[in-house]
Protein backbone atom coordinates (compact mmCIF):
# COMPACT_ATOMS: atom_id res chain seq x y z
CA MET A 1 51.14 33.54 19.91
CA PHE A 2 48.02 32.39 21.26
CA LYS A 3 45.57 30.37 19.12
CA MET A 4 41.78 32.92 18.96
CA ILE A 5 39.14 31.07 19.05
CA SER A 6 35.31 31.83 19.70
CA SER A 7 33.34 31.07 23.00
CA PRO A 8 32.36 28.44 24.16
CA HIS A 9 35.94 27.51 25.40
CA THR A 10 34.94 24.14 27.07
CA HIS A 11 33.04 21.19 26.02
CA SER A 12 30.31 19.06 28.39
CA GLY A 13 30.32 16.54 26.43
CA LYS A 14 27.26 15.75 26.16
CA LEU A 15 26.37 14.34 22.42
CA THR A 16 23.60 14.81 20.41
CA MET A 17 23.23 11.29 20.12
CA ARG A 18 23.63 10.79 23.62
CA ILE A 19 20.85 13.19 24.97
CA MET A 20 18.70 11.28 22.31
CA LEU A 21 19.20 8.05 23.49
CA TRP A 22 18.46 9.01 26.85
CA VAL A 23 15.04 11.37 26.18
CA MET A 24 13.84 7.56 23.89
CA LEU A 25 14.86 5.69 27.02
CA ALA A 26 12.98 7.95 29.35
CA MET A 27 9.91 7.39 27.29
CA LEU A 28 9.93 3.32 27.57
CA PRO A 29 7.94 2.89 30.59
CA ALA A 30 5.30 5.06 29.60
CA MET A 31 5.00 3.55 26.18
CA ALA A 32 4.98 -0.12 27.36
CA LEU A 33 2.13 1.23 29.69
CA GLN A 34 0.69 2.68 26.34
CA VAL A 35 0.64 -1.13 24.79
CA HIS A 36 -0.68 -2.63 27.98
CA TYR A 37 -3.49 -0.22 27.66
CA PHE A 38 -3.92 0.16 24.47
CA GLY A 39 -2.37 -2.78 22.53
CA VAL A 40 0.54 -3.18 20.11
CA GLY A 41 -0.85 -0.41 17.62
CA VAL A 42 1.50 2.18 19.18
CA LEU A 43 4.39 -0.30 18.54
CA ILE A 44 3.51 -0.76 14.57
CA GLN A 45 3.11 2.87 14.38
CA ALA A 46 6.39 3.96 15.89
CA ALA A 47 8.19 1.35 13.53
CA LEU A 48 6.10 2.59 10.47
CA ALA A 49 7.30 6.26 11.52
CA ILE A 50 10.70 5.78 12.51
CA SER A 51 11.41 3.39 9.34
CA PHE A 52 9.68 6.24 6.84
CA ALA A 53 11.58 9.02 8.41
CA LEU A 54 15.03 7.81 8.03
CA VAL A 55 13.87 7.15 4.47
CA LEU A 56 12.87 10.83 4.25
CA GLU A 57 16.64 11.77 5.91
CA LEU A 58 18.32 10.00 3.42
CA LEU A 59 16.44 11.52 0.24
CA VAL A 60 16.81 14.80 2.02
CA THR A 61 20.34 14.89 2.46
CA PHE A 62 21.56 13.51 -1.29
CA LEU A 63 19.43 16.08 -2.62
CA ARG A 64 20.72 18.89 -0.65
CA LYS A 65 24.24 17.00 -0.67
CA GLN A 66 25.07 16.45 3.33
CA PRO A 67 27.32 14.18 4.78
CA THR A 68 24.06 11.67 5.58
CA LEU A 69 25.99 9.85 8.29
CA SER A 70 26.14 12.35 10.28
CA TYR A 71 22.32 13.03 10.08
CA LEU A 72 21.14 9.94 10.88
CA SER A 73 24.09 9.35 13.70
CA ASP A 74 22.57 12.45 16.24
CA LEU A 75 19.43 9.98 16.15
CA SER A 76 17.23 13.36 16.16
CA VAL A 77 14.72 12.12 12.86
CA ILE A 78 14.24 8.78 15.38
CA LEU A 79 13.14 10.55 18.21
CA THR A 80 10.84 13.14 16.11
CA ALA A 81 9.05 10.08 14.63
CA LEU A 82 8.42 8.25 18.33
CA ILE A 83 7.25 11.42 19.41
CA LEU A 84 4.71 11.54 16.66
CA ALA A 85 4.22 7.53 17.04
CA VAL A 86 3.34 8.27 20.62
CA ALA A 87 0.98 11.12 20.25
CA ILE A 88 -1.67 9.83 17.52
CA PRO A 89 -4.34 7.27 18.46
CA PRO A 90 -2.74 3.44 18.04
CA TYR A 91 -5.16 2.34 15.38
CA ALA A 92 -5.33 5.28 13.27
CA PRO A 93 -4.50 4.52 9.58
CA TYR A 94 -1.11 3.79 8.34
CA TRP A 95 -1.69 7.02 6.12
CA ILE A 96 -2.15 9.14 9.18
CA ILE A 97 1.34 8.46 10.79
CA LEU A 98 2.89 8.32 7.03
CA ILE A 99 1.90 12.01 6.28
CA GLY A 100 3.01 12.98 9.83
CA THR A 101 6.25 11.61 9.39
CA PHE A 102 6.78 13.64 6.11
CA CYS A 103 5.48 16.47 7.13
CA ALA A 104 7.67 16.73 10.94
CA VAL A 105 10.50 15.71 8.88
CA ILE A 106 10.45 17.94 5.79
CA LEU A 107 8.27 20.94 6.61
CA GLY A 108 9.10 20.73 10.11
CA LYS A 109 13.24 20.34 9.86
CA HIS A 110 14.85 20.72 6.63
CA VAL A 111 12.62 23.20 5.27
CA TYR A 112 14.53 25.60 7.51
CA GLY A 113 18.12 24.00 6.96
CA GLY A 114 18.51 21.38 9.57
CA LEU A 115 18.59 19.84 12.67
CA GLY A 116 19.75 23.22 14.78
CA GLN A 117 17.49 25.55 12.43
CA ASN A 118 14.89 24.57 13.14
CA PRO A 119 11.95 27.30 14.86
CA PHE A 120 9.26 24.87 15.29
CA ASN A 121 9.21 21.64 17.42
CA PRO A 122 8.64 19.19 13.95
CA ALA A 123 6.78 16.06 15.84
CA MET A 124 4.25 18.77 16.60
CA VAL A 125 4.24 20.28 13.07
CA GLY A 126 3.10 17.13 11.71
CA TYR A 127 0.77 16.62 14.59
CA VAL A 128 -0.84 20.15 14.23
CA VAL A 129 -0.80 18.70 10.36
CA LEU A 130 -2.61 15.52 11.10
CA LEU A 131 -5.09 16.91 14.28
CA THR A 132 -6.33 20.01 11.52
CA SER A 133 -6.72 17.94 8.14
CA PHE A 134 -8.19 14.48 9.78
CA PRO A 135 -9.98 14.86 12.68
CA LEU A 136 -12.01 11.96 13.19
CA GLN A 137 -8.66 9.43 12.65
CA MET A 138 -7.08 11.39 15.39
CA THR A 139 -9.74 11.31 17.58
CA THR A 140 -11.02 8.14 17.32
CA TRP A 141 -9.52 6.07 20.49
CA MET A 142 -10.16 2.65 21.86
CA PRO A 143 -10.76 2.60 25.70
CA ALA A 144 -8.33 0.38 27.42
CA ILE A 145 -8.25 -3.25 25.76
CA GLN A 146 -9.37 -4.66 29.38
CA LEU A 147 -12.67 -2.86 28.66
CA LEU A 148 -13.36 -5.20 25.58
CA PRO A 149 -15.13 -8.08 25.35
CA GLU A 150 -12.11 -9.58 22.55
CA PRO A 151 -9.31 -6.72 22.62
CA PRO A 152 -7.43 -7.30 19.57
CA THR A 153 -4.33 -9.28 18.94
CA PHE A 154 -1.55 -8.71 16.61
CA ALA A 155 -2.56 -9.38 13.52
CA ASP A 156 -6.06 -7.37 14.24
CA ALA A 157 -4.01 -4.28 14.99
CA LEU A 158 -2.09 -4.99 11.16
CA GLN A 159 -5.30 -5.43 10.02
CA LEU A 160 -6.58 -2.50 11.56
CA ILE A 161 -3.77 -0.30 10.53
CA PHE A 162 -3.45 -1.17 7.19
CA HIS A 163 -6.90 -1.88 6.24
CA GLY A 164 -9.61 -1.00 8.76
CA LEU A 165 -11.14 -4.35 9.84
CA THR A 166 -9.78 -7.23 11.73
CA THR A 167 -8.95 -10.86 11.30
CA ASP A 168 -12.61 -11.23 11.89
CA GLY A 169 -14.33 -8.44 9.62
CA PHE A 170 -14.92 -5.92 12.30
CA SER A 171 -14.03 -1.91 12.16
CA LEU A 172 -12.77 -0.02 15.05
CA HIS A 173 -16.39 1.86 15.36
CA GLN A 174 -17.25 -2.22 15.99
CA LEU A 175 -15.10 -2.88 18.83
CA THR A 176 -15.88 -0.03 21.06
CA ALA A 177 -19.55 -0.19 20.41
CA SER A 178 -19.37 -3.82 22.12
CA ILE A 179 -18.91 -1.30 25.41
CA ASP A 180 -21.06 1.91 25.32
CA GLY A 181 -22.98 2.13 21.54
CA MET A 182 -20.39 4.91 20.36
CA THR A 183 -16.55 5.14 19.07
CA GLN A 184 -14.98 7.55 21.87
CA ALA A 185 -12.13 10.39 22.04
CA THR A 186 -9.88 10.71 24.65
CA PRO A 187 -11.55 11.63 28.33
CA LEU A 188 -10.97 14.93 27.60
CA ASP A 189 -13.01 14.92 24.39
CA THR A 190 -15.91 13.37 26.47
CA THR A 191 -15.86 15.69 29.67
CA LYS A 192 -14.97 18.84 27.15
CA LEU A 193 -18.64 17.67 25.19
CA PHE A 194 -20.11 16.80 28.94
CA TYR A 195 -19.71 20.44 30.35
CA ALA A 196 -20.54 21.86 26.84
CA THR A 197 -23.86 20.34 26.42
CA GLN A 198 -27.51 21.40 28.09
CA ALA A 199 -28.15 18.74 31.28
CA SER A 200 -31.68 17.59 29.03
CA ASP A 201 -29.05 16.95 26.04
CA ARG A 202 -25.90 15.34 27.79
CA ASN A 203 -26.21 11.76 25.85
CA ILE A 204 -22.94 10.91 27.01
CA SER A 205 -21.68 7.17 27.41
CA ALA A 206 -22.06 5.27 29.93
CA VAL A 207 -18.46 4.32 30.76
CA TYR A 208 -17.63 8.05 31.45
CA ALA A 209 -21.34 8.52 32.86
CA ASP A 210 -20.22 9.53 36.47
CA LEU A 211 -16.46 11.47 35.56
CA VAL A 212 -17.49 14.55 36.55
CA LYS A 213 -17.64 13.45 40.03
CA LEU A 214 -14.70 11.78 40.99
CA PRO A 215 -11.00 13.70 40.52
CA ILE A 216 -9.07 10.73 40.56
CA PHE A 217 -10.49 9.24 37.33
CA THR A 218 -12.81 6.40 38.98
CA GLN A 219 -15.89 4.71 38.23
CA ASN A 220 -17.86 1.53 39.92
CA GLY A 221 -14.08 -0.23 40.24
CA TRP A 222 -13.00 0.78 36.49
CA ASP A 223 -10.63 3.62 36.08
CA PHE A 224 -13.01 6.16 33.81
CA ALA A 225 -9.76 7.25 32.40
CA GLN A 226 -7.61 3.61 32.68
CA GLY A 227 -4.59 3.50 31.07
CA TRP A 228 -4.63 7.37 30.82
CA TRP A 229 -3.53 9.01 33.92
CA GLN A 230 -0.85 5.32 34.63
CA ILE A 231 0.78 6.66 30.96
CA ASN A 232 0.79 10.47 32.47
CA PHE A 233 2.83 9.47 35.78
CA ALA A 234 5.02 7.21 33.60
CA PHE A 235 6.22 10.00 31.89
CA LEU A 236 6.57 12.17 35.08
CA LEU A 237 9.06 9.24 36.08
CA GLY A 238 10.73 9.39 33.04
CA GLY A 239 11.13 13.37 33.14
CA ILE A 240 12.50 13.74 36.51
CA PHE A 241 15.05 10.77 35.50
CA LEU A 242 16.13 13.05 32.35
CA ILE A 243 16.09 16.06 34.93
CA LEU A 244 18.97 14.13 36.99
CA LYS A 245 20.02 13.34 33.98
CA LYS A 246 20.85 16.87 32.94
CA ALA A 247 19.53 15.31 29.66
CA ILE A 248 16.67 19.04 30.38
CA HIS A 249 16.60 21.40 32.27
CA TRP A 250 13.73 21.73 35.45
CA HIS A 251 12.51 24.82 34.34
CA ILE A 252 10.51 24.28 31.38
CA PRO A 253 8.05 21.85 33.30
CA VAL A 254 7.99 22.96 36.20
CA ALA A 255 7.13 26.31 35.03
CA MET A 256 5.01 24.98 32.83
CA LEU A 257 3.10 22.75 35.13
CA SER A 258 2.89 25.69 37.60
CA SER A 259 1.05 28.25 35.79
CA PHE A 260 -1.35 25.50 34.68
CA THR A 261 -1.76 24.46 38.14
CA LEU A 262 -2.20 27.70 39.37
CA LEU A 263 -5.24 28.57 36.45
CA SER A 264 -6.51 25.84 36.53
CA LEU A 265 -7.38 26.06 40.32
CA LEU A 266 -8.05 29.40 40.42
CA THR A 267 -11.29 28.11 37.41
CA GLU A 268 -12.09 25.54 39.61
CA LEU A 269 -12.56 28.19 43.09
CA PHE A 270 -14.32 30.90 41.27
CA SER A 271 -15.95 29.82 38.14
CA THR A 272 -19.63 28.59 37.89
CA SER A 273 -19.07 26.46 34.75
CA GLY A 274 -18.28 22.66 34.87
CA HIS A 275 -14.71 21.68 34.64
CA LEU A 276 -12.51 18.85 35.53
CA SER A 277 -10.32 18.67 38.58
CA THR A 278 -7.04 20.79 38.35
CA ALA A 279 -5.52 16.89 39.53
CA SER A 280 -7.73 14.86 36.69
CA GLN A 281 -6.32 17.98 33.91
CA LEU A 282 -2.52 17.40 35.27
CA PHE A 283 -2.89 13.62 34.84
CA SER A 284 -4.85 13.68 31.15
CA GLY A 285 -3.90 13.91 27.30
CA ALA A 286 -0.90 14.85 26.88
CA MET A 287 0.44 17.09 29.94
CA MET A 288 3.08 15.67 31.49
CA PHE A 289 4.18 14.02 27.97
CA GLY A 290 4.18 17.76 26.51
CA ALA A 291 5.83 19.14 29.62
CA PHE A 292 9.03 16.76 29.74
CA PHE A 293 9.85 15.35 26.32
CA ILE A 294 7.67 18.42 23.88
CA ALA A 295 8.54 21.66 25.69
CA THR A 296 11.76 20.89 26.07
CA ASP A 297 13.49 20.81 22.85
CA PRO A 298 16.40 22.50 23.03
CA VAL A 299 16.47 23.57 19.39
CA THR A 300 12.71 25.67 19.84
CA ALA A 301 12.49 26.60 23.38
CA SER A 302 14.43 29.18 25.30
CA ILE A 303 17.44 29.25 25.88
CA THR A 304 18.00 31.55 28.38
CA PRO A 305 17.61 30.33 32.50
CA LYS A 306 14.78 33.50 32.81
CA GLY A 307 13.79 32.84 29.21
CA LYS A 308 12.80 28.80 30.00
CA LEU A 309 10.71 29.95 32.96
CA VAL A 310 8.80 32.77 30.86
CA PHE A 311 8.33 29.88 28.01
CA GLY A 312 7.18 27.36 30.48
CA ALA A 313 5.04 29.31 31.79
CA LEU A 314 3.60 30.82 28.23
CA VAL A 315 3.07 26.74 27.02
CA GLY A 316 1.10 26.14 30.59
CA LEU A 317 -1.22 29.80 30.09
CA PHE A 318 -2.02 28.40 26.50
CA VAL A 319 -3.28 25.10 27.02
CA TYR A 320 -4.81 26.19 29.88
CA LEU A 321 -7.05 28.94 27.41
CA ILE A 322 -6.98 25.74 24.89
CA ARG A 323 -8.33 23.14 27.50
CA PHE A 324 -10.44 25.66 29.40
CA TYR A 325 -12.05 28.06 26.45
CA GLY A 326 -10.84 26.77 23.18
CA ASN A 327 -12.47 23.73 20.73
CA TYR A 328 -9.89 21.46 21.22
CA PRO A 329 -9.72 19.67 24.24
CA ASP A 330 -6.12 19.40 24.89
CA GLY A 331 -3.76 21.54 23.52
CA VAL A 332 -0.23 21.26 23.75
CA ALA A 333 0.39 20.64 20.79
CA PHE A 334 -0.65 24.07 19.45
CA ALA A 335 0.53 25.47 22.90
CA VAL A 336 4.00 24.67 22.34
CA LEU A 337 4.19 26.10 18.63
CA LEU A 338 2.62 29.28 19.69
CA SER A 339 5.33 29.24 22.47
CA ASN A 340 7.60 28.64 19.53
CA ILE A 341 6.88 31.90 18.05
CA CYS A 342 7.29 33.76 20.89
CA VAL A 343 11.28 32.35 21.95
CA PRO A 344 12.88 35.40 20.12
CA LEU A 345 11.60 37.78 21.75
CA ILE A 346 11.54 35.87 24.65
CA ASP A 347 15.37 35.21 24.05
CA HIS A 348 16.04 38.93 23.34
CA TYR A 349 14.17 40.47 26.90
CA THR A 350 15.46 37.85 28.63
CA ARG A 351 19.49 37.56 28.26
CA PRO A 352 22.04 37.64 30.87
CA ARG A 353 23.88 40.35 31.55
CA VAL A 354 27.54 40.47 30.27
CA ALA A 355 30.41 40.63 32.65
CA GLY A 356 31.48 44.44 33.14
CA HIS A 357 28.06 45.68 31.13
CA ARG A 358 25.13 47.40 33.36
CA GLY A 359 22.90 45.29 31.37
């Protein structure tokens, strides 16, 4: 007698824990650059997020009477916390990352039954809750610390995150005021404001004054988006590494970047209103991070080969619409969540033909 078992009949050997480790390893170069350009705040945020995420995972698995070790050993909750910590401003108040981690782990993951059953990317659920609830804290980014006369030390970073002031009593606003008199958000925020206002009302920071003239973000020898394009380039290299290791498939990032690039080029060619160049758009904000590390989430993305292409193209379309016509400057998180909603429909219409059947 033959033993009857359901498919799949082979195992790729790729454990969830191993894939999560590869993804975290691929994020390390970009995180190192983020620390270099924006300070050690990102490491403190990561430590807070991971610690709190592990506590939440332990508590939820205990309440659900689930095997705690199996939930912790897949490392998914650690990766979720790490992605969220990288996405928020490095010197945001400590309660921001705690609220975001709670929403990601509880509302984004365990409400639906845990890993493998959640329809939305958990980290992006936490990020969107924070962005819509606390827009001021979530859009207060410092310029690169190389531009500051007194870069914050590790002790200053701790004080800023937990008390809102450095060891010398300076707030985040006061640290940046020494550069241009105002706290800036990301370069995408600045350029969106610049193009949205009339020429007579363009009261833009001197640090960003010549941004619109230059496609690669250079101004008077300084990078306009000092650190931003370097970090995006590191995420691009990390994403290529993941594709080579077969931890992710190429379909989603290629489709996302291609659809966004095509639409951005068309707008650049035919639109009369000002926008950042396509090259600048691709290497600013969370574009590369979203393409290779967020949209490729195997649980919430499409699972069919054709569906991955459709899903990636849809994410790129939403990012384009939000960046060019929406109120938010970036929109990667919203684009991913909106595309997650469409995954069941995409998978339904892109199912591979079963052998022996016409369709």
